[in-house]
Amino acid sequence: MRTLTQHEKQILKEIHGLPEPLQKKMAEIIRFLKAEFFNGKTDEKKATEHFLSVCGTWEDERSINEQLQDIYLSRKSANRAERIS
């Protein structure tokens, strides 16, 4: 297969070296996007279900507030200055 455009080269460069399972996911996402953009009609519910089947869903037993608290607590301080003695 011959690469025709600069965009195709960029896409190949972006996925080069990724683990094969991730390359497979990227191919599935590209197929999904092509189907969405070129089929003419969009069934939003079906498109959402298909997208989630490709990307997966967020699974967490904690409440939203507990998840947010975890995010805030895991953030690092923006102060990056170090004291030099």
PDB file of N, CA and C in Angstrom:
ATOM      1  N   MET A   1       0.852  -1.167   0.000  1.00  0.00           N
ATOM      2  CA  MET A   1       0.000   0.000   0.000  1.00  0.00           C
ATOM      3  C   MET A   1       0.901   1.234   0.000  1.00  0.00           C
ATOM      4  N   ARG A   2       0.596   2.179  -0.832  1.00  0.00           N
ATOM      5  CA  ARG A   2       1.390   3.399  -0.956  1.00  0.00           C
ATOM      6  C   ARG A   2       0.729   4.524  -0.162  1.00  0.00           C
ATOM      7  N   THR A   3       1.497   5.218   0.652  1.00  0.00           N
ATOM      8  CA  THR A   3       0.987   6.361   1.389  1.00  0.00           C
ATOM      9  C   THR A   3       0.819   7.519   0.425  1.00  0.00           C
ATOM     10  N   LEU A   4      -0.377   8.098   0.384  1.00  0.00           N
ATOM     11  CA  LEU A   4      -0.682   9.127  -0.587  1.00  0.00           C
ATOM     12  C   LEU A   4      -0.551  10.551  -0.065  1.00  0.00           C
ATOM     13  N   THR A   5      -0.846  10.769   1.173  1.00  0.00           N
ATOM     14  CA  THR A   5      -0.868  12.148   1.678  1.00  0.00           C
ATOM     15  C   THR A   5       0.004  12.302   2.913  1.00  0.00           C
ATOM     16  N   GLN A   6       0.295  13.536   3.244  1.00  0.00           N
ATOM     17  CA  GLN A   6       1.059  13.863   4.446  1.00  0.00           C
ATOM     18  C   GLN A   6       0.282  13.452   5.694  1.00  0.00           C
ATOM     19  N   HIS A   7      -1.043  13.544   5.628  1.00  0.00           N
ATOM     20  CA  HIS A   7      -1.883  13.168   6.779  1.00  0.00           C
ATOM     21  C   HIS A   7      -1.791  11.662   7.051  1.00  0.00           C
ATOM     22  N   GLU A   8      -1.769  10.871   5.990  1.00  0.00           N
ATOM     23  CA  GLU A   8      -1.610   9.427   6.176  1.00  0.00           C
ATOM     24  C   GLU A   8      -0.260   9.122   6.819  1.00  0.00           C
ATOM     25  N   LYS A   9       0.771   9.803   6.379  1.00  0.00           N
ATOM     26  CA  LYS A   9       2.095   9.605   6.977  1.00  0.00           C
ATOM     27  C   LYS A   9       2.074   9.971   8.456  1.00  0.00           C
ATOM     28  N   GLN A  10       1.401  11.069   8.795  1.00  0.00           N
ATOM     29  CA  GLN A  10       1.324  11.512  10.193  1.00  0.00           C
ATOM     30  C   GLN A  10       0.581  10.486  11.041  1.00  0.00           C
ATOM     31  N   ILE A  11      -0.509   9.943  10.519  1.00  0.00           N
ATOM     32  CA  ILE A  11      -1.270   8.928  11.262  1.00  0.00           C
ATOM     33  C   ILE A  11      -0.411   7.701  11.504  1.00  0.00           C
ATOM     34  N   LEU A  12       0.294   7.249  10.478  1.00  0.00           N
ATOM     35  CA  LEU A  12       1.165   6.078  10.633  1.00  0.00           C
ATOM     36  C   LEU A  12       2.280   6.359  11.636  1.00  0.00           C
ATOM     37  N   LYS A  13       2.835   7.562  11.604  1.00  0.00           N
ATOM     38  CA  LYS A  13       3.887   7.945  12.545  1.00  0.00           C
ATOM     39  C   LYS A  13       3.360   7.911  13.979  1.00  0.00           C
ATOM     40  N   GLU A  14       2.119   8.377  14.168  1.00  0.00           N
ATOM     41  CA  GLU A  14       1.529   8.419  15.511  1.00  0.00           C
ATOM     42  C   GLU A  14       1.322   7.028  16.097  1.00  0.00           C
ATOM     43  N   ILE A  15       0.964   6.050  15.273  1.00  0.00           N
ATOM     44  CA  ILE A  15       0.681   4.713  15.811  1.00  0.00           C
ATOM     45  C   ILE A  15       1.897   3.792  15.781  1.00  0.00           C
ATOM     46  N   HIS A  16       2.946   4.198  15.065  1.00  0.00           N
ATOM     47  CA  HIS A  16       4.146   3.369  14.972  1.00  0.00           C
ATOM     48  C   HIS A  16       4.742   3.150  16.365  1.00  0.00           C
ATOM     49  N   GLY A  17       5.030   1.911  16.671  1.00  0.00           N
ATOM     50  CA  GLY A  17       5.664   1.593  17.948  1.00  0.00           C
ATOM     51  C   GLY A  17       4.705   1.367  19.099  1.00  0.00           C
ATOM     52  N   LEU A  18       3.415   1.648  18.888  1.00  0.00           N
ATOM     53  CA  LEU A  18       2.447   1.370  19.955  1.00  0.00           C
ATOM     54  C   LEU A  18       2.265  -0.137  20.082  1.00  0.00           C
ATOM     55  N   PRO A  19       1.922  -0.629  21.258  1.00  0.00           N
ATOM     56  CA  PRO A  19       1.643  -2.065  21.405  1.00  0.00           C
ATOM     57  C   PRO A  19       0.494  -2.475  20.479  1.00  0.00           C
ATOM     58  N   GLU A  20       0.549  -3.713  20.004  1.00  0.00           N
ATOM     59  CA  GLU A  20      -0.445  -4.188  19.044  1.00  0.00           C
ATOM     60  C   GLU A  20      -1.887  -4.040  19.526  1.00  0.00           C
ATOM     61  N   PRO A  21      -2.204  -4.340  20.805  1.00  0.00           N
ATOM     62  CA  PRO A  21      -3.595  -4.149  21.243  1.00  0.00           C
ATOM     63  C   PRO A  21      -4.056  -2.693  21.100  1.00  0.00           C
ATOM     64  N   LEU A  22      -3.152  -1.747  21.349  1.00  0.00           N
ATOM     65  CA  LEU A  22      -3.506  -0.340  21.212  1.00  0.00           C
ATOM     66  C   LEU A  22      -3.662   0.035  19.736  1.00  0.00           C
ATOM     67  N   GLN A  23      -2.834  -0.542  18.873  1.00  0.00           N
ATOM     68  CA  GLN A  23      -2.992  -0.311  17.433  1.00  0.00           C
ATOM     69  C   GLN A  23      -4.350  -0.830  16.961  1.00  0.00           C
ATOM     70  N   LYS A  24      -4.765  -1.972  17.508  1.00  0.00           N
ATOM     71  CA  LYS A  24      -6.071  -2.531  17.156  1.00  0.00           C
ATOM     72  C   LYS A  24      -7.186  -1.572  17.572  1.00  0.00           C
ATOM     73  N   LYS A  25      -7.083  -1.012  18.785  1.00  0.00           N
ATOM     74  CA  LYS A  25      -8.081  -0.044  19.246  1.00  0.00           C
ATOM     75  C   LYS A  25      -8.114   1.176  18.328  1.00  0.00           C
ATOM     76  N   MET A  26      -6.935   1.665  17.943  1.00  0.00           N
ATOM     77  CA  MET A  26      -6.870   2.831  17.053  1.00  0.00           C
ATOM     78  C   MET A  26      -7.551   2.516  15.718  1.00  0.00           C
ATOM     79  N   ALA A  27      -7.326   1.324  15.189  1.00  0.00           N
ATOM     80  CA  ALA A  27      -7.964   0.928  13.929  1.00  0.00           C
ATOM     81  C   ALA A  27      -9.480   0.883  14.094  1.00  0.00           C
ATOM     82  N   GLU A  28      -9.953   0.379  15.230  1.00  0.00           N
ATOM     83  CA  GLU A  28     -11.393   0.335  15.488  1.00  0.00           C
ATOM     84  C   GLU A  28     -11.971   1.747  15.565  1.00  0.00           C
ATOM     85  N   ILE A  29     -11.250   2.654  16.203  1.00  0.00           N
ATOM     86  CA  ILE A  29     -11.713   4.040  16.310  1.00  0.00           C
ATOM     87  C   ILE A  29     -11.777   4.678  14.925  1.00  0.00           C
ATOM     88  N   ILE A  30     -10.770   4.437  14.099  1.00  0.00           N
ATOM     89  CA  ILE A  30     -10.764   4.994  12.739  1.00  0.00           C
ATOM     90  C   ILE A  30     -11.941   4.437  11.935  1.00  0.00           C
ATOM     91  N   ARG A  31     -12.190   3.124  12.042  1.00  0.00           N
ATOM     92  CA  ARG A  31     -13.351   2.532  11.336  1.00  0.00           C
ATOM     93  C   ARG A  31     -14.651   3.169  11.820  1.00  0.00           C
ATOM     94  N   PHE A  32     -14.762   3.366  13.125  1.00  0.00           N
ATOM     95  CA  PHE A  32     -15.957   3.993  13.691  1.00  0.00           C
ATOM     96  C   PHE A  32     -16.137   5.401  13.136  1.00  0.00           C
ATOM     97  N   LEU A  33     -15.075   6.192  13.150  1.00  0.00           N
ATOM     98  CA  LEU A  33     -15.168   7.563  12.643  1.00  0.00           C
ATOM     99  C   LEU A  33     -15.514   7.601  11.163  1.00  0.00           C
ATOM    100  N   LYS A  34     -14.915   6.717  10.386  1.00  0.00           N
ATOM    101  CA  LYS A  34     -15.233   6.667   8.954  1.00  0.00           C
ATOM    102  C   LYS A  34     -16.706   6.343   8.742  1.00  0.00           C
ATOM    103  N   ALA A  35     -17.213   5.388   9.512  1.00  0.00           N
ATOM    104  CA  ALA A  35     -18.624   5.015   9.375  1.00  0.00           C
ATOM    105  C   ALA A  35     -19.530   6.182   9.751  1.00  0.00           C
ATOM    106  N   GLU A  36     -19.154   6.925  10.779  1.00  0.00           N
ATOM    107  CA  GLU A  36     -19.955   8.062  11.218  1.00  0.00           C
ATOM    108  C   GLU A  36     -19.949   9.196  10.204  1.00  0.00           C
ATOM    109  N   PHE A  37     -18.801   9.472   9.616  1.00  0.00           N
ATOM    110  CA  PHE A  37     -18.690  10.605   8.708  1.00  0.00           C
ATOM    111  C   PHE A  37     -19.177  10.308   7.307  1.00  0.00           C
ATOM    112  N   PHE A  38     -19.146   9.063   6.882  1.00  0.00           N
ATOM    113  CA  PHE A  38     -19.420   8.759   5.480  1.00  0.00           C
ATOM    114  C   PHE A  38     -20.701   7.977   5.223  1.00  0.00           C
ATOM    115  N   ASN A  39     -21.448   7.602   6.242  1.00  0.00           N
ATOM    116  CA  ASN A  39     -22.649   6.819   5.981  1.00  0.00           C
ATOM    117  C   ASN A  39     -23.873   7.671   5.654  1.00  0.00           C
ATOM    118  N   GLY A  40     -23.768   8.985   5.838  1.00  0.00           N
ATOM    119  CA  GLY A  40     -24.869   9.860   5.463  1.00  0.00           C
ATOM    120  C   GLY A  40     -25.868  10.122   6.565  1.00  0.00           C
ATOM    121  N   LYS A  41     -26.226   9.126   7.353  1.00  0.00           N
ATOM    122  CA  LYS A  41     -27.163   9.324   8.446  1.00  0.00           C
ATOM    123  C   LYS A  41     -26.515   8.851   9.735  1.00  0.00           C
ATOM    124  N   THR A  42     -26.932   9.450  10.833  1.00  0.00           N
ATOM    125  CA  THR A  42     -26.372   9.073  12.118  1.00  0.00           C
ATOM    126  C   THR A  42     -27.495   8.714  13.079  1.00  0.00           C
ATOM    127  N   ASP A  43     -27.456   7.491  13.564  1.00  0.00           N
ATOM    128  CA  ASP A  43     -28.338   7.073  14.646  1.00  0.00           C
ATOM    129  C   ASP A  43     -27.539   7.299  15.927  1.00  0.00           C
ATOM    130  N   GLU A  44     -27.862   8.379  16.634  1.00  0.00           N
ATOM    131  CA  GLU A  44     -27.043   8.812  17.763  1.00  0.00           C
ATOM    132  C   GLU A  44     -26.915   7.731  18.837  1.00  0.00           C
ATOM    133  N   LYS A  45     -27.993   7.045  19.150  1.00  0.00           N
ATOM    134  CA  LYS A  45     -27.941   6.015  20.187  1.00  0.00           C
ATOM    135  C   LYS A  45     -27.023   4.879  19.755  1.00  0.00           C
ATOM    136  N   LYS A  46     -27.164   4.449  18.514  1.00  0.00           N
ATOM    137  CA  LYS A  46     -26.330   3.363  17.994  1.00  0.00           C
ATOM    138  C   LYS A  46     -24.860   3.802  17.935  1.00  0.00           C
ATOM    139  N   ALA A  47     -24.627   5.045  17.527  1.00  0.00           N
ATOM    140  CA  ALA A  47     -23.260   5.566  17.457  1.00  0.00           C
ATOM    141  C   ALA A  47     -22.624   5.602  18.842  1.00  0.00           C
ATOM    142  N   THR A  48     -23.393   6.023  19.845  1.00  0.00           N
ATOM    143  CA  THR A  48     -22.882   6.072  21.212  1.00  0.00           C
ATOM    144  C   THR A  48     -22.548   4.678  21.713  1.00  0.00           C
ATOM    145  N   GLU A  49     -23.440   3.728  21.472  1.00  0.00           N
ATOM    146  CA  GLU A  49     -23.193   2.349  21.900  1.00  0.00           C
ATOM    147  C   GLU A  49     -21.941   1.792  21.232  1.00  0.00           C
ATOM    148  N   HIS A  50     -21.793   2.068  19.939  1.00  0.00           N
ATOM    149  CA  HIS A  50     -20.624   1.571  19.217  1.00  0.00           C
ATOM    150  C   HIS A  50     -19.347   2.226  19.753  1.00  0.00           C
ATOM    151  N   PHE A  51     -19.385   3.532  19.968  1.00  0.00           N
ATOM    152  CA  PHE A  51     -18.225   4.240  20.499  1.00  0.00           C
ATOM    153  C   PHE A  51     -17.817   3.670  21.851  1.00  0.00           C
ATOM    154  N   LEU A  52     -18.785   3.453  22.735  1.00  0.00           N
ATOM    155  CA  LEU A  52     -18.476   2.905  24.049  1.00  0.00           C
ATOM    156  C   LEU A  52     -17.943   1.481  23.953  1.00  0.00           C
ATOM    157  N   SER A  53     -18.405   0.720  22.957  1.00  0.00           N
ATOM    158  CA  SER A  53     -17.890  -0.640  22.800  1.00  0.00           C
ATOM    159  C   SER A  53     -16.429  -0.621  22.369  1.00  0.00           C
ATOM    160  N   VAL A  54     -16.030   0.418  21.653  1.00  0.00           N
ATOM    161  CA  VAL A  54     -14.638   0.546  21.212  1.00  0.00           C
ATOM    162  C   VAL A  54     -13.761   1.051  22.346  1.00  0.00           C
ATOM    163  N   CYS A  55     -14.241   2.057  23.065  1.00  0.00           N
ATOM    164  CA  CYS A  55     -13.428   2.732  24.072  1.00  0.00           C
ATOM    165  C   CYS A  55     -13.640   2.215  25.484  1.00  0.00           C
ATOM    166  N   GLY A  56     -14.719   1.542  25.726  1.00  0.00           N
ATOM    167  CA  GLY A  56     -15.019   1.082  27.072  1.00  0.00           C
ATOM    168  C   GLY A  56     -15.749   2.151  27.865  1.00  0.00           C
ATOM    169  N   THR A  57     -16.215   1.785  29.022  1.00  0.00           N
ATOM    170  CA  THR A  57     -16.946   2.724  29.864  1.00  0.00           C
ATOM    171  C   THR A  57     -16.189   2.907  31.177  1.00  0.00           C
ATOM    172  N   TRP A  58     -16.487   3.987  31.843  1.00  0.00           N
ATOM    173  CA  TRP A  58     -15.870   4.281  33.133  1.00  0.00           C
ATOM    174  C   TRP A  58     -16.552   3.434  34.186  1.00  0.00           C
ATOM    175  N   GLU A  59     -15.758   2.665  34.913  1.00  0.00           N
ATOM    176  CA  GLU A  59     -16.316   1.823  35.956  1.00  0.00           C
ATOM    177  C   GLU A  59     -15.667   2.188  37.278  1.00  0.00           C
ATOM    178  N   ASP A  60     -16.495   2.613  38.220  1.00  0.00           N
ATOM    179  CA  ASP A  60     -16.001   2.974  39.539  1.00  0.00           C
ATOM    180  C   ASP A  60     -17.169   2.875  40.506  1.00  0.00           C
ATOM    181  N   GLU A  61     -16.952   2.204  41.612  1.00  0.00           N
ATOM    182  CA  GLU A  61     -18.008   2.000  42.607  1.00  0.00           C
ATOM    183  C   GLU A  61     -18.207   3.228  43.492  1.00  0.00           C
ATOM    184  N   ARG A  62     -17.228   4.139  43.483  1.00  0.00           N
ATOM    185  CA  ARG A  62     -17.294   5.304  44.358  1.00  0.00           C
ATOM    186  C   ARG A  62     -18.271   6.343  43.810  1.00  0.00           C
ATOM    187  N   SER A  63     -18.746   7.194  44.724  1.00  0.00           N
ATOM    188  CA  SER A  63     -19.626   8.283  44.308  1.00  0.00           C
ATOM    189  C   SER A  63     -18.800   9.320  43.542  1.00  0.00           C
ATOM    190  N   ILE A  64     -19.486  10.226  42.860  1.00  0.00           N
ATOM    191  CA  ILE A  64     -18.792  11.279  42.124  1.00  0.00           C
ATOM    192  C   ILE A  64     -17.947  12.122  43.082  1.00  0.00           C
ATOM    193  N   ASN A  65     -18.516  12.450  44.233  1.00  0.00           N
ATOM    194  CA  ASN A  65     -17.767  13.255  45.210  1.00  0.00           C
ATOM    195  C   ASN A  65     -16.510  12.530  45.690  1.00  0.00           C
ATOM    196  N   GLU A  66     -16.602  11.222  45.905  1.00  0.00           N
ATOM    197  CA  GLU A  66     -15.426  10.459  46.322  1.00  0.00           C
ATOM    198  C   GLU A  66     -14.369  10.429  45.211  1.00  0.00           C
ATOM    199  N   GLN A  67     -14.805  10.305  43.975  1.00  0.00           N
ATOM    200  CA  GLN A  67     -13.868  10.310  42.848  1.00  0.00           C
ATOM    201  C   GLN A  67     -13.182  11.666  42.724  1.00  0.00           C
ATOM    202  N   LEU A  68     -13.969  12.740  42.856  1.00  0.00           N
ATOM    203  CA  LEU A  68     -13.386  14.084  42.775  1.00  0.00           C
ATOM    204  C   LEU A  68     -12.390  14.325  43.899  1.00  0.00           C
ATOM    205  N   GLN A  69     -12.731  13.897  45.100  1.00  0.00           N
ATOM    206  CA  GLN A  69     -11.829  14.059  46.229  1.00  0.00           C
ATOM    207  C   GLN A  69     -10.516  13.326  45.965  1.00  0.00           C
ATOM    208  N   ASP A  70     -10.595  12.127  45.405  1.00  0.00           N
ATOM    209  CA  ASP A  70      -9.395  11.360  45.069  1.00  0.00           C
ATOM    210  C   ASP A  70      -8.538  12.101  44.041  1.00  0.00           C
ATOM    211  N   ILE A  71      -9.183  12.708  43.052  1.00  0.00           N
ATOM    212  CA  ILE A  71      -8.455  13.472  42.033  1.00  0.00           C
ATOM    213  C   ILE A  71      -7.736  14.647  42.681  1.00  0.00           C
ATOM    214  N   TYR A  72      -8.453  15.410  43.498  1.00  0.00           N
ATOM    215  CA  TYR A  72      -7.850  16.571  44.145  1.00  0.00           C
ATOM    216  C   TYR A  72      -6.695  16.173  45.067  1.00  0.00           C
ATOM    217  N   LEU A  73      -6.862  15.081  45.812  1.00  0.00           N
ATOM    218  CA  LEU A  73      -5.821  14.652  46.736  1.00  0.00           C
ATOM    219  C   LEU A  73      -4.581  14.122  46.014  1.00  0.00           C
ATOM    220  N   SER A  74      -4.756  13.617  44.807  1.00  0.00           N
ATOM    221  CA  SER A  74      -3.617  13.048  44.084  1.00  0.00           C
ATOM    222  C   SER A  74      -2.837  14.089  43.288  1.00  0.00           C
ATOM    223  N   ARG A  75      -3.352  15.308  43.216  1.00  0.00           N
ATOM    224  CA  ARG A  75      -2.647  16.368  42.494  1.00  0.00           C
ATOM    225  C   ARG A  75      -1.400  16.786  43.258  1.00  0.00           C
ATOM    226  N   LYS A  76      -0.398  17.134  42.486  1.00  0.00           N
ATOM    227  CA  LYS A  76       0.852  17.625  43.064  1.00  0.00           C
ATOM    228  C   LYS A  76       0.780  19.144  43.204  1.00  0.00           C
ATOM    229  N   SER A  77       1.560  19.665  44.086  1.00  0.00           N
ATOM    230  CA  SER A  77       1.615  21.103  44.284  1.00  0.00           C
ATOM    231  C   SER A  77       2.176  21.772  43.039  1.00  0.00           C
ATOM    232  N   ALA A  78       1.655  22.951  42.723  1.00  0.00           N
ATOM    233  CA  ALA A  78       2.140  23.703  41.575  1.00  0.00           C
ATOM    234  C   ALA A  78       3.461  24.396  41.901  1.00  0.00           C
ATOM    235  N   ASN A  79       3.820  24.453  43.170  1.00  0.00           N
ATOM    236  CA  ASN A  79       5.068  25.093  43.572  1.00  0.00           C
ATOM    237  C   ASN A  79       6.211  24.108  43.350  1.00  0.00           C
ATOM    238  N   ARG A  80       7.004  24.357  42.336  1.00  0.00           N
ATOM    239  CA  ARG A  80       8.056  23.392  41.969  1.00  0.00           C
ATOM    240  C   ARG A  80       9.443  23.894  42.333  1.00  0.00           C
ATOM    241  N   ALA A  81       9.514  25.016  42.992  1.00  0.00           N
ATOM    242  CA  ALA A  81      10.825  25.547  43.381  1.00  0.00           C
ATOM    243  C   ALA A  81      11.428  24.671  44.460  1.00  0.00           C
ATOM    244  N   GLU A  82      12.706  24.394  44.323  1.00  0.00           N
ATOM    245  CA  GLU A  82      13.400  23.599  45.311  1.00  0.00           C
ATOM    246  C   GLU A  82      14.385  24.478  46.054  1.00  0.00           C
ATOM    247  N   ARG A  83      14.536  24.207  47.313  1.00  0.00           N
ATOM    248  CA  ARG A  83      15.489  24.958  48.131  1.00  0.00           C
ATOM    249  C   ARG A  83      16.880  24.345  47.926  1.00  0.00           C
ATOM    250  N   ILE A  84      17.821  25.192  47.587  1.00  0.00           N
ATOM    251  CA  ILE A  84      19.197  24.744  47.423  1.00  0.00           C
ATOM    252  C   ILE A  84      20.002  25.289  48.599  1.00  0.00           C
ATOM    253  N   SER A  85      20.625  24.380  49.347  1.00  0.00           N
ATOM    254  CA  SER A  85      21.401  24.808  50.529  1.00  0.00           C
ATOM    255  C   SER A  85      22.859  24.901  50.218  1.00  0.00           C
TER     256      SER A  85
END
